[in-house]
Amino acid sequence: SAVILLIFRDTIMGFVASLQVSINDMVQIGDWITFEKFGADGDV
């Protein structure tokens, strides 16, 4: 299981993050966001 968790680390983190984003209503499709770290400034 440790190896499996390592292989699917990004997938698990992405799933947990997507749930938190949805539950906390942090970002919706169509939102204008600015994310300087990734050079993003526009609509989701």
PDB file of all heavy atoms in Angstrom:
ATOM      1  N   SER A   1       0.817  -1.228   0.000  1.00  0.00           N
ATOM      2  CA  SER A   1       0.000   0.000   0.000  1.00  0.00           C
ATOM      3  C   SER A   1       0.841   1.264   0.000  1.00  0.00           C
ATOM      4  O   SER A   1       0.449   2.274  -0.580  1.00  0.00           O
ATOM      5  CB  SER A   1      -0.935  -0.001   1.221  1.00  0.00           C
ATOM      6  OG  SER A   1      -0.172  -0.095   2.416  1.00  0.00           O
ATOM      7  N   ALA A   2       2.004   1.213   0.676  1.00  0.00           N
ATOM      8  CA  ALA A   2       2.877   2.400   0.711  1.00  0.00           C
ATOM      9  C   ALA A   2       3.338   2.772  -0.682  1.00  0.00           C
ATOM     10  O   ALA A   2       3.371   3.958  -1.052  1.00  0.00           O
ATOM     11  CB  ALA A   2       4.076   2.139   1.615  1.00  0.00           C
ATOM     12  N   VAL A   3       3.687   1.745  -1.469  1.00  0.00           N
ATOM     13  CA  VAL A   3       4.121   2.001  -2.850  1.00  0.00           C
ATOM     14  C   VAL A   3       2.969   2.534  -3.679  1.00  0.00           C
ATOM     15  O   VAL A   3       3.126   3.463  -4.480  1.00  0.00           O
ATOM     16  CB  VAL A   3       4.686   0.710  -3.482  1.00  0.00           C
ATOM     17  CG1 VAL A   3       5.096   0.957  -4.935  1.00  0.00           C
ATOM     18  CG2 VAL A   3       5.863   0.192  -2.674  1.00  0.00           C
ATOM     19  N   ILE A   4       1.765   1.963  -3.473  1.00  0.00           N
ATOM     20  CA  ILE A   4       0.578   2.415  -4.210  1.00  0.00           C
ATOM     21  C   ILE A   4       0.262   3.867  -3.875  1.00  0.00           C
ATOM     22  O   ILE A   4      -0.043   4.677  -4.755  1.00  0.00           O
ATOM     23  CB  ILE A   4      -0.617   1.503  -3.889  1.00  0.00           C
ATOM     24  CG1 ILE A   4      -0.348   0.087  -4.403  1.00  0.00           C
ATOM     25  CG2 ILE A   4      -1.896   2.061  -4.501  1.00  0.00           C
ATOM     26  CD1 ILE A   4      -1.398  -0.923  -3.988  1.00  0.00           C
ATOM     27  N   LEU A   5       0.357   4.200  -2.573  1.00  0.00           N
ATOM     28  CA  LEU A   5       0.096   5.588  -2.163  1.00  0.00           C
ATOM     29  C   LEU A   5       1.101   6.541  -2.785  1.00  0.00           C
ATOM     30  O   LEU A   5       0.756   7.663  -3.149  1.00  0.00           O
ATOM     31  CB  LEU A   5       0.144   5.694  -0.633  1.00  0.00           C
ATOM     32  CG  LEU A   5      -1.033   5.075   0.128  1.00  0.00           C
ATOM     33  CD1 LEU A   5      -0.774   5.132   1.628  1.00  0.00           C
ATOM     34  CD2 LEU A   5      -2.332   5.793  -0.212  1.00  0.00           C
ATOM     35  N   LEU A   6       2.342   6.095  -2.902  1.00  0.00           N
ATOM     36  CA  LEU A   6       3.376   6.939  -3.512  1.00  0.00           C
ATOM     37  C   LEU A   6       3.082   7.154  -4.990  1.00  0.00           C
ATOM     38  O   LEU A   6       3.230   8.268  -5.511  1.00  0.00           O
ATOM     39  CB  LEU A   6       4.751   6.295  -3.324  1.00  0.00           C
ATOM     40  CG  LEU A   6       5.941   7.093  -3.857  1.00  0.00           C
ATOM     41  CD1 LEU A   6       6.065   8.424  -3.116  1.00  0.00           C
ATOM     42  CD2 LEU A   6       7.233   6.294  -3.722  1.00  0.00           C
ATOM     43  N   ILE A   7       2.650   6.085  -5.666  1.00  0.00           N
ATOM     44  CA  ILE A   7       2.362   6.184  -7.103  1.00  0.00           C
ATOM     45  C   ILE A   7       1.178   7.108  -7.356  1.00  0.00           C
ATOM     46  O   ILE A   7       1.197   7.933  -8.270  1.00  0.00           O
ATOM     47  CB  ILE A   7       2.075   4.776  -7.690  1.00  0.00           C
ATOM     48  CG1 ILE A   7       3.356   3.921  -7.624  1.00  0.00           C
ATOM     49  CG2 ILE A   7       1.571   4.885  -9.126  1.00  0.00           C
ATOM     50  CD1 ILE A   7       3.134   2.468  -8.014  1.00  0.00           C
ATOM     51  N   PHE A   8       0.136   6.992  -6.507  1.00  0.00           N
ATOM     52  CA  PHE A   8      -1.085   7.782  -6.706  1.00  0.00           C
ATOM     53  C   PHE A   8      -1.125   9.010  -5.798  1.00  0.00           C
ATOM     54  O   PHE A   8      -2.192   9.523  -5.503  1.00  0.00           O
ATOM     55  CB  PHE A   8      -2.317   6.901  -6.455  1.00  0.00           C
ATOM     56  CG  PHE A   8      -2.524   5.822  -7.473  1.00  0.00           C
ATOM     57  CD1 PHE A   8      -2.131   4.524  -7.207  1.00  0.00           C
ATOM     58  CD2 PHE A   8      -3.075   6.117  -8.710  1.00  0.00           C
ATOM     59  CE1 PHE A   8      -2.308   3.533  -8.161  1.00  0.00           C
ATOM     60  CE2 PHE A   8      -3.257   5.131  -9.663  1.00  0.00           C
ATOM     61  CZ  PHE A   8      -2.870   3.827  -9.390  1.00  0.00           C
ATOM     62  N   ARG A   9       0.043   9.480  -5.370  1.00  0.00           N
ATOM     63  CA  ARG A   9       0.115  10.620  -4.450  1.00  0.00           C
ATOM     64  C   ARG A   9      -0.589  11.847  -5.027  1.00  0.00           C
ATOM     65  O   ARG A   9      -1.445  12.455  -4.373  1.00  0.00           O
ATOM     66  CB  ARG A   9       1.574  10.940  -4.156  1.00  0.00           C
ATOM     67  CG  ARG A   9       1.781  12.223  -3.372  1.00  0.00           C
ATOM     68  CD  ARG A   9       3.260  12.467  -3.125  1.00  0.00           C
ATOM     69  NE  ARG A   9       3.480  13.784  -2.555  1.00  0.00           N
ATOM     70  CZ  ARG A   9       3.628  14.889  -3.266  1.00  0.00           C
ATOM     71  NH1 ARG A   9       3.590  14.848  -4.587  1.00  0.00           N
ATOM     72  NH2 ARG A   9       3.827  16.051  -2.670  1.00  0.00           N
ATOM     73  N   ASP A  10      -0.239  12.230  -6.264  1.00  0.00           N
ATOM     74  CA  ASP A  10      -0.833  13.426  -6.878  1.00  0.00           C
ATOM     75  C   ASP A  10      -2.334  13.270  -7.079  1.00  0.00           C
ATOM     76  O   ASP A  10      -3.097  14.222  -6.902  1.00  0.00           O
ATOM     77  CB  ASP A  10      -0.147  13.726  -8.218  1.00  0.00           C
ATOM     78  CG  ASP A  10       1.284  14.211  -8.024  1.00  0.00           C
ATOM     79  OD1 ASP A  10       1.606  14.658  -6.906  1.00  0.00           O
ATOM     80  OD2 ASP A  10       2.078  14.119  -8.977  1.00  0.00           O
ATOM     81  N   THR A  11      -2.742  12.056  -7.452  1.00  0.00           N
ATOM     82  CA  THR A  11      -4.171  11.810  -7.670  1.00  0.00           C
ATOM     83  C   THR A  11      -4.950  11.954  -6.363  1.00  0.00           C
ATOM     84  O   THR A  11      -6.016  12.585  -6.320  1.00  0.00           O
ATOM     85  CB  THR A  11      -4.390  10.399  -8.243  1.00  0.00           C
ATOM     86  OG1 THR A  11      -3.662  10.284  -9.476  1.00  0.00           O
ATOM     87  CG2 THR A  11      -5.862  10.144  -8.506  1.00  0.00           C
ATOM     88  N   ILE A  12      -4.410  11.381  -5.288  1.00  0.00           N
ATOM     89  CA  ILE A  12      -5.078  11.461  -3.985  1.00  0.00           C
ATOM     90  C   ILE A  12      -5.130  12.904  -3.503  1.00  0.00           C
ATOM     91  O   ILE A  12      -6.171  13.391  -3.034  1.00  0.00           O
ATOM     92  CB  ILE A  12      -4.358  10.569  -2.960  1.00  0.00           C
ATOM     93  CG1 ILE A  12      -4.481   9.099  -3.364  1.00  0.00           C
ATOM     94  CG2 ILE A  12      -4.920  10.778  -1.563  1.00  0.00           C
ATOM     95  CD1 ILE A  12      -3.614   8.157  -2.572  1.00  0.00           C
ATOM     96  N   MET A  13      -4.002  13.615  -3.633  1.00  0.00           N
ATOM     97  CA  MET A  13      -3.962  15.013  -3.216  1.00  0.00           C
ATOM     98  C   MET A  13      -4.923  15.861  -4.042  1.00  0.00           C
ATOM     99  O   MET A  13      -5.611  16.746  -3.524  1.00  0.00           O
ATOM    100  CB  MET A  13      -2.538  15.565  -3.347  1.00  0.00           C
ATOM    101  CG  MET A  13      -1.558  14.997  -2.331  1.00  0.00           C
ATOM    102  SD  MET A  13       0.111  15.644  -2.543  1.00  0.00           S
ATOM    103  CE  MET A  13      -0.147  17.376  -2.176  1.00  0.00           C
ATOM    104  N   GLY A  14      -4.970  15.578  -5.345  1.00  0.00           N
ATOM    105  CA  GLY A  14      -5.886  16.314  -6.217  1.00  0.00           C
ATOM    106  C   GLY A  14      -7.335  16.059  -5.864  1.00  0.00           C
ATOM    107  O   GLY A  14      -8.160  16.985  -5.877  1.00  0.00           O
ATOM    108  N   PHE A  15      -7.655  14.800  -5.526  1.00  0.00           N
ATOM    109  CA  PHE A  15      -9.031  14.460  -5.153  1.00  0.00           C
ATOM    110  C   PHE A  15      -9.437  15.177  -3.868  1.00  0.00           C
ATOM    111  O   PHE A  15     -10.509  15.779  -3.779  1.00  0.00           O
ATOM    112  CB  PHE A  15      -9.154  12.944  -4.993  1.00  0.00           C
ATOM    113  CG  PHE A  15     -10.481  12.506  -4.454  1.00  0.00           C
ATOM    114  CD1 PHE A  15     -11.666  12.845  -5.104  1.00  0.00           C
ATOM    115  CD2 PHE A  15     -10.572  11.763  -3.288  1.00  0.00           C
ATOM    116  CE1 PHE A  15     -12.896  12.452  -4.614  1.00  0.00           C
ATOM    117  CE2 PHE A  15     -11.787  11.361  -2.789  1.00  0.00           C
ATOM    118  CZ  PHE A  15     -12.958  11.705  -3.455  1.00  0.00           C
ATOM    119  N   VAL A  16      -8.565  15.108  -2.856  1.00  0.00           N
ATOM    120  CA  VAL A  16      -8.850  15.779  -1.588  1.00  0.00           C
ATOM    121  C   VAL A  16      -8.992  17.278  -1.799  1.00  0.00           C
ATOM    122  O   VAL A  16      -9.899  17.930  -1.258  1.00  0.00           O
ATOM    123  CB  VAL A  16      -7.744  15.472  -0.559  1.00  0.00           C
ATOM    124  CG1 VAL A  16      -7.957  16.289   0.716  1.00  0.00           C
ATOM    125  CG2 VAL A  16      -7.712  13.989  -0.230  1.00  0.00           C
ATOM    126  N   ALA A  17      -8.088  17.840  -2.618  1.00  0.00           N
ATOM    127  CA  ALA A  17      -8.125  19.286  -2.885  1.00  0.00           C
ATOM    128  C   ALA A  17      -9.406  19.674  -3.611  1.00  0.00           C
ATOM    129  O   ALA A  17     -10.028  20.693  -3.289  1.00  0.00           O
ATOM    130  CB  ALA A  17      -6.907  19.700  -3.701  1.00  0.00           C
ATOM    131  N   SER A  18      -9.805  18.876  -4.600  1.00  0.00           N
ATOM    132  CA  SER A  18     -11.017  19.208  -5.359  1.00  0.00           C
ATOM    133  C   SER A  18     -12.256  19.159  -4.470  1.00  0.00           C
ATOM    134  O   SER A  18     -13.173  19.968  -4.629  1.00  0.00           O
ATOM    135  CB  SER A  18     -11.181  18.246  -6.544  1.00  0.00           C
ATOM    136  OG  SER A  18     -11.375  16.918  -6.098  1.00  0.00           O
ATOM    137  N   LEU A  19     -12.270  18.221  -3.506  1.00  0.00           N
ATOM    138  CA  LEU A  19     -13.387  18.168  -2.563  1.00  0.00           C
ATOM    139  C   LEU A  19     -13.404  19.411  -1.680  1.00  0.00           C
ATOM    140  O   LEU A  19     -14.461  20.013  -1.454  1.00  0.00           O
ATOM    141  CB  LEU A  19     -13.280  16.909  -1.699  1.00  0.00           C
ATOM    142  CG  LEU A  19     -13.604  15.567  -2.366  1.00  0.00           C
ATOM    143  CD1 LEU A  19     -13.400  14.424  -1.382  1.00  0.00           C
ATOM    144  CD2 LEU A  19     -15.035  15.548  -2.895  1.00  0.00           C
ATOM    145  N   GLN A  20     -12.239  19.809  -1.178  1.00  0.00           N
ATOM    146  CA  GLN A  20     -12.172  20.994  -0.316  1.00  0.00           C
ATOM    147  C   GLN A  20     -12.528  22.255  -1.079  1.00  0.00           C
ATOM    148  O   GLN A  20     -13.213  23.139  -0.560  1.00  0.00           O
ATOM    149  CB  GLN A  20     -10.770  21.112   0.289  1.00  0.00           C
ATOM    150  CG  GLN A  20     -10.459  20.051   1.322  1.00  0.00           C
ATOM    151  CD  GLN A  20      -9.106  20.265   1.976  1.00  0.00           C
ATOM    152  OE1 GLN A  20      -8.234  20.903   1.417  1.00  0.00           O
ATOM    153  NE2 GLN A  20      -8.919  19.713   3.163  1.00  0.00           N
ATOM    154  N   VAL A  21     -12.065  22.341  -2.329  1.00  0.00           N
ATOM    155  CA  VAL A  21     -12.383  23.504  -3.166  1.00  0.00           C
ATOM    156  C   VAL A  21     -13.881  23.597  -3.390  1.00  0.00           C
ATOM    157  O   VAL A  21     -14.472  24.679  -3.337  1.00  0.00           O
ATOM    158  CB  VAL A  21     -11.636  23.419  -4.508  1.00  0.00           C
ATOM    159  CG1 VAL A  21     -12.193  24.434  -5.502  1.00  0.00           C
ATOM    160  CG2 VAL A  21     -10.143  23.683  -4.298  1.00  0.00           C
ATOM    161  N   SER A  22     -14.515  22.431  -3.624  1.00  0.00           N
ATOM    162  CA  SER A  22     -15.958  22.418  -3.872  1.00  0.00           C
ATOM    163  C   SER A  22     -16.753  22.698  -2.604  1.00  0.00           C
ATOM    164  O   SER A  22     -17.676  23.518  -2.603  1.00  0.00           O
ATOM    165  CB  SER A  22     -16.359  21.058  -4.456  1.00  0.00           C
ATOM    166  OG  SER A  22     -17.753  20.984  -4.640  1.00  0.00           O
ATOM    167  N   ILE A  23     -16.386  22.027  -1.507  1.00  0.00           N
ATOM    168  CA  ILE A  23     -17.137  22.185  -0.256  1.00  0.00           C
ATOM    169  C   ILE A  23     -17.023  23.610   0.275  1.00  0.00           C
ATOM    170  O   ILE A  23     -18.003  24.206   0.723  1.00  0.00           O
ATOM    171  CB  ILE A  23     -16.643  21.161   0.787  1.00  0.00           C
ATOM    172  CG1 ILE A  23     -17.008  19.741   0.332  1.00  0.00           C
ATOM    173  CG2 ILE A  23     -17.243  21.454   2.164  1.00  0.00           C
ATOM    174  CD1 ILE A  23     -16.377  18.646   1.171  1.00  0.00           C
ATOM    175  N   ASN A  24     -15.810  24.170   0.230  1.00  0.00           N
ATOM    176  CA  ASN A  24     -15.578  25.524   0.756  1.00  0.00           C
ATOM    177  C   ASN A  24     -15.892  26.614  -0.263  1.00  0.00           C
ATOM    178  O   ASN A  24     -15.737  27.804   0.041  1.00  0.00           O
ATOM    179  CB  ASN A  24     -14.124  25.658   1.217  1.00  0.00           C
ATOM    180  CG  ASN A  24     -13.793  24.718   2.359  1.00  0.00           C
ATOM    181  OD1 ASN A  24     -14.620  24.492   3.227  1.00  0.00           O
ATOM    182  ND2 ASN A  24     -12.599  24.152   2.347  1.00  0.00           N
ATOM    183  N   ASP A  25     -16.280  26.207  -1.476  1.00  0.00           N
ATOM    184  CA  ASP A  25     -16.654  27.159  -2.528  1.00  0.00           C
ATOM    185  C   ASP A  25     -15.525  28.173  -2.779  1.00  0.00           C
ATOM    186  O   ASP A  25     -15.758  29.376  -2.889  1.00  0.00           O
ATOM    187  CB  ASP A  25     -17.944  27.889  -2.147  1.00  0.00           C
ATOM    188  CG  ASP A  25     -18.604  28.546  -3.355  1.00  0.00           C
ATOM    189  OD1 ASP A  25     -18.314  28.124  -4.494  1.00  0.00           O
ATOM    190  OD2 ASP A  25     -19.387  29.480  -3.167  1.00  0.00           O
ATOM    191  N   MET A  26     -14.299  27.665  -2.859  1.00  0.00           N
ATOM    192  CA  MET A  26     -13.141  28.538  -3.051  1.00  0.00           C
ATOM    193  C   MET A  26     -13.037  29.034  -4.494  1.00  0.00           C
ATOM    194  O   MET A  26     -12.686  30.191  -4.735  1.00  0.00           O
ATOM    195  CB  MET A  26     -11.861  27.799  -2.661  1.00  0.00           C
ATOM    196  CG  MET A  26     -11.791  27.401  -1.193  1.00  0.00           C
ATOM    197  SD  MET A  26     -10.429  26.270  -0.843  1.00  0.00           S
ATOM    198  CE  MET A  26      -9.035  27.321  -1.226  1.00  0.00           C
ATOM    199  N   VAL A  27     -13.314  28.150  -5.438  1.00  0.00           N
ATOM    200  CA  VAL A  27     -13.207  28.494  -6.860  1.00  0.00           C
ATOM    201  C   VAL A  27     -14.348  27.828  -7.604  1.00  0.00           C
ATOM    202  O   VAL A  27     -14.694  26.675  -7.329  1.00  0.00           O
ATOM    203  CB  VAL A  27     -11.860  28.021  -7.465  1.00  0.00           C
ATOM    204  CG1 VAL A  27     -11.813  28.302  -8.954  1.00  0.00           C
ATOM    205  CG2 VAL A  27     -10.691  28.713  -6.783  1.00  0.00           C
ATOM    206  N   GLN A  28     -14.925  28.556  -8.538  1.00  0.00           N
ATOM    207  CA  GLN A  28     -15.949  28.007  -9.416  1.00  0.00           C
ATOM    208  C   GLN A  28     -15.529  28.235 -10.858  1.00  0.00           C
ATOM    209  O   GLN A  28     -14.723  29.127 -11.147  1.00  0.00           O
ATOM    210  CB  GLN A  28     -17.295  28.686  -9.172  1.00  0.00           C
ATOM    211  CG  GLN A  28     -17.842  28.523  -7.766  1.00  0.00           C
ATOM    212  CD  GLN A  28     -19.140  29.277  -7.564  1.00  0.00           C
ATOM    213  OE1 GLN A  28     -19.632  29.945  -8.468  1.00  0.00           O
ATOM    214  NE2 GLN A  28     -19.687  29.189  -6.357  1.00  0.00           N
ATOM    215  N   ILE A  29     -16.065  27.434 -11.740  1.00  0.00           N
ATOM    216  CA  ILE A  29     -15.812  27.644 -13.165  1.00  0.00           C
ATOM    217  C   ILE A  29     -16.412  28.994 -13.568  1.00  0.00           C
ATOM    218  O   ILE A  29     -17.559  29.282 -13.273  1.00  0.00           O
ATOM    219  CB  ILE A  29     -16.416  26.498 -14.005  1.00  0.00           C
ATOM    220  CG1 ILE A  29     -15.689  25.186 -13.705  1.00  0.00           C
ATOM    221  CG2 ILE A  29     -16.323  26.812 -15.502  1.00  0.00           C
ATOM    222  CD1 ILE A  29     -16.292  23.976 -14.378  1.00  0.00           C
ATOM    223  N   GLY A  30     -15.605  29.811 -14.215  1.00  0.00           N
ATOM    224  CA  GLY A  30     -16.028  31.153 -14.593  1.00  0.00           C
ATOM    225  C   GLY A  30     -15.470  32.231 -13.695  1.00  0.00           C
ATOM    226  O   GLY A  30     -15.555  33.418 -14.026  1.00  0.00           O
ATOM    227  N   ASP A  31     -14.896  31.843 -12.542  1.00  0.00           N
ATOM    228  CA  ASP A  31     -14.299  32.833 -11.636  1.00  0.00           C
ATOM    229  C   ASP A  31     -13.037  33.443 -12.262  1.00  0.00           C
ATOM    230  O   ASP A  31     -12.268  32.749 -12.939  1.00  0.00           O
ATOM    231  CB  ASP A  31     -13.917  32.184 -10.300  1.00  0.00           C
ATOM    232  CG  ASP A  31     -15.115  31.973  -9.401  1.00  0.00           C
ATOM    233  OD1 ASP A  31     -16.221  32.406  -9.784  1.00  0.00           O
ATOM    234  OD2 ASP A  31     -14.953  31.376  -8.324  1.00  0.00           O
ATOM    235  N   TRP A  32     -12.836  34.707 -11.975  1.00  0.00           N
ATOM    236  CA  TRP A  32     -11.589  35.374 -12.350  1.00  0.00           C
ATOM    237  C   TRP A  32     -10.645  35.246 -11.164  1.00  0.00           C
ATOM    238  O   TRP A  32     -10.935  35.724 -10.064  1.00  0.00           O
ATOM    239  CB  TRP A  32     -11.862  36.838 -12.702  1.00  0.00           C
ATOM    240  CG  TRP A  32     -10.613  37.688 -12.846  1.00  0.00           C
ATOM    241  CD1 TRP A  32      -9.338  37.262 -13.055  1.00  0.00           C
ATOM    242  CD2 TRP A  32     -10.544  39.121 -12.797  1.00  0.00           C
ATOM    243  NE1 TRP A  32      -8.468  38.311 -13.140  1.00  0.00           N
ATOM    244  CE2 TRP A  32      -9.178  39.472 -12.972  1.00  0.00           C
ATOM    245  CE3 TRP A  32     -11.483  40.121 -12.609  1.00  0.00           C
ATOM    246  CZ2 TRP A  32      -8.746  40.793 -12.979  1.00  0.00           C
ATOM    247  CZ3 TRP A  32     -11.056  41.435 -12.607  1.00  0.00           C
ATOM    248  CH2 TRP A  32      -9.710  41.771 -12.804  1.00  0.00           C
ATOM    249  N   ILE A  33      -9.509  34.560 -11.376  1.00  0.00           N
ATOM    250  CA  ILE A  33      -8.535  34.407 -10.301  1.00  0.00           C
ATOM    251  C   ILE A  33      -7.172  34.921 -10.751  1.00  0.00           C
ATOM    252  O   ILE A  33      -6.859  34.932 -11.937  1.00  0.00           O
ATOM    253  CB  ILE A  33      -8.408  32.944  -9.826  1.00  0.00           C
ATOM    254  CG1 ILE A  33      -7.788  32.058 -10.915  1.00  0.00           C
ATOM    255  CG2 ILE A  33      -9.734  32.401  -9.357  1.00  0.00           C
ATOM    256  CD1 ILE A  33      -7.427  30.666 -10.423  1.00  0.00           C
ATOM    257  N   THR A  34      -6.386  35.350  -9.772  1.00  0.00           N
ATOM    258  CA  THR A  34      -5.007  35.769 -10.012  1.00  0.00           C
ATOM    259  C   THR A  34      -4.116  34.912  -9.130  1.00  0.00           C
ATOM    260  O   THR A  34      -4.258  34.904  -7.912  1.00  0.00           O
ATOM    261  CB  THR A  34      -4.810  37.254  -9.654  1.00  0.00           C
ATOM    262  OG1 THR A  34      -5.714  38.046 -10.452  1.00  0.00           O
ATOM    263  CG2 THR A  34      -3.388  37.690  -9.944  1.00  0.00           C
ATOM    264  N   PHE A  35      -3.204  34.172  -9.767  1.00  0.00           N
ATOM    265  CA  PHE A  35      -2.293  33.278  -9.060  1.00  0.00           C
ATOM    266  C   PHE A  35      -0.873  33.603  -9.536  1.00  0.00           C
ATOM    267  O   PHE A  35      -0.392  33.067 -10.526  1.00  0.00           O
ATOM    268  CB  PHE A  35      -2.634  31.814  -9.381  1.00  0.00           C
ATOM    269  CG  PHE A  35      -2.339  30.860  -8.268  1.00  0.00           C
ATOM    270  CD1 PHE A  35      -3.229  29.853  -7.949  1.00  0.00           C
ATOM    271  CD2 PHE A  35      -1.171  30.942  -7.544  1.00  0.00           C
ATOM    272  CE1 PHE A  35      -2.971  28.958  -6.920  1.00  0.00           C
ATOM    273  CE2 PHE A  35      -0.893  30.071  -6.520  1.00  0.00           C
ATOM    274  CZ  PHE A  35      -1.797  29.069  -6.207  1.00  0.00           C
ATOM    275  N   GLU A  36      -0.233  34.516  -8.802  1.00  0.00           N
ATOM    276  CA  GLU A  36       1.060  35.035  -9.244  1.00  0.00           C
ATOM    277  C   GLU A  36       2.121  33.944  -9.342  1.00  0.00           C
ATOM    278  O   GLU A  36       2.990  33.999 -10.221  1.00  0.00           O
ATOM    279  CB  GLU A  36       1.530  36.131  -8.287  1.00  0.00           C
ATOM    280  CG  GLU A  36       0.642  37.381  -8.325  1.00  0.00           C
ATOM    281  CD  GLU A  36       1.145  38.474  -7.406  1.00  0.00           C
ATOM    282  OE1 GLU A  36       2.195  38.260  -6.755  1.00  0.00           O
ATOM    283  OE2 GLU A  36       0.491  39.530  -7.332  1.00  0.00           O
ATOM    284  N   LYS A  37       2.087  32.962  -8.475  1.00  0.00           N
ATOM    285  CA  LYS A  37       3.100  31.910  -8.467  1.00  0.00           C
ATOM    286  C   LYS A  37       3.144  31.165  -9.795  1.00  0.00           C
ATOM    287  O   LYS A  37       4.215  30.770 -10.265  1.00  0.00           O
ATOM    288  CB  LYS A  37       2.819  30.929  -7.325  1.00  0.00           C
ATOM    289  CG  LYS A  37       3.827  29.789  -7.233  1.00  0.00           C
ATOM    290  CD  LYS A  37       3.520  28.897  -6.047  1.00  0.00           C
ATOM    291  CE  LYS A  37       4.507  27.720  -5.989  1.00  0.00           C
ATOM    292  NZ  LYS A  37       4.229  26.838  -4.830  1.00  0.00           N
ATOM    293  N   PHE A  38       1.979  30.969 -10.405  1.00  0.00           N
ATOM    294  CA  PHE A  38       1.903  30.231 -11.665  1.00  0.00           C
ATOM    295  C   PHE A  38       1.671  31.147 -12.867  1.00  0.00           C
ATOM    296  O   PHE A  38       1.450  30.665 -13.981  1.00  0.00           O
ATOM    297  CB  PHE A  38       0.787  29.177 -11.598  1.00  0.00           C
ATOM    298  CG  PHE A  38       1.039  28.099 -10.583  1.00  0.00           C
ATOM    299  CD1 PHE A  38       0.532  28.204  -9.296  1.00  0.00           C
ATOM    300  CD2 PHE A  38       1.809  26.997 -10.894  1.00  0.00           C
ATOM    301  CE1 PHE A  38       0.768  27.220  -8.351  1.00  0.00           C
ATOM    302  CE2 PHE A  38       2.054  26.002  -9.959  1.00  0.00           C
ATOM    303  CZ  PHE A  38       1.531  26.118  -8.680  1.00  0.00           C
ATOM    304  N   GLY A  39       1.687  32.452 -12.636  1.00  0.00           N
ATOM    305  CA  GLY A  39       1.496  33.394 -13.735  1.00  0.00           C
ATOM    306  C   GLY A  39       0.097  33.365 -14.318  1.00  0.00           C
ATOM    307  O   GLY A  39      -0.089  33.644 -15.505  1.00  0.00           O
ATOM    308  N   ALA A  40      -0.879  33.041 -13.493  1.00  0.00           N
ATOM    309  CA  ALA A  40      -2.267  32.942 -13.968  1.00  0.00           C
ATOM    310  C   ALA A  40      -3.033  34.211 -13.605  1.00  0.00           C
ATOM    311  O   ALA A  40      -2.973  34.679 -12.471  1.00  0.00           O
ATOM    312  CB  ALA A  40      -2.959  31.729 -13.354  1.00  0.00           C
ATOM    313  N   ASP A  41      -3.743  34.752 -14.571  1.00  0.00           N
ATOM    314  CA  ASP A  41      -4.587  35.925 -14.347  1.00  0.00           C
ATOM    315  C   ASP A  41      -5.692  35.894 -15.389  1.00  0.00           C
ATOM    316  O   ASP A  41      -5.547  36.406 -16.499  1.00  0.00           O
ATOM    317  CB  ASP A  41      -3.768  37.211 -14.461  1.00  0.00           C
ATOM    318  CG  ASP A  41      -4.591  38.451 -14.093  1.00  0.00           C
ATOM    319  OD1 ASP A  41      -5.660  38.289 -13.485  1.00  0.00           O
ATOM    320  OD2 ASP A  41      -4.172  39.579 -14.421  1.00  0.00           O
ATOM    321  N   GLY A  42      -6.804  35.250 -15.036  1.00  0.00           N
ATOM    322  CA  GLY A  42      -7.889  35.119 -16.000  1.00  0.00           C
ATOM    323  C   GLY A  42      -9.031  34.290 -15.430  1.00  0.00           C
ATOM    324  O   GLY A  42      -9.185  34.158 -14.214  1.00  0.00           O
ATOM    325  N   ASP A  43      -9.827  33.705 -16.317  1.00  0.00           N
ATOM    326  CA  ASP A  43     -11.043  32.984 -15.924  1.00  0.00           C
ATOM    327  C   ASP A  43     -10.785  31.483 -15.839  1.00  0.00           C
ATOM    328  O   ASP A  43     -10.125  30.906 -16.715  1.00  0.00           O
ATOM    329  CB  ASP A  43     -12.162  33.246 -16.936  1.00  0.00           C
ATOM    330  CG  ASP A  43     -12.538  34.726 -16.998  1.00  0.00           C
ATOM    331  OD1 ASP A  43     -12.460  35.385 -15.946  1.00  0.00           O
ATOM    332  OD2 ASP A  43     -12.885  35.217 -18.090  1.00  0.00           O
ATOM    333  N   VAL A  44     -11.341  30.860 -14.803  1.00  0.00           N
ATOM    334  CA  VAL A  44     -11.251  29.408 -14.656  1.00  0.00           C
ATOM    335  C   VAL A  44     -12.187  28.756 -15.671  1.00  0.00           C
ATOM    336  O   VAL A  44     -13.380  29.054 -15.703  1.00  0.00           O
ATOM    337  CB  VAL A  44     -11.642  28.979 -13.225  1.00  0.00           C
ATOM    338  CG1 VAL A  44     -11.645  27.464 -13.088  1.00  0.00           C
ATOM    339  CG2 VAL A  44     -10.694  29.604 -12.210  1.00  0.00           C
TER     340      VAL A  44
END
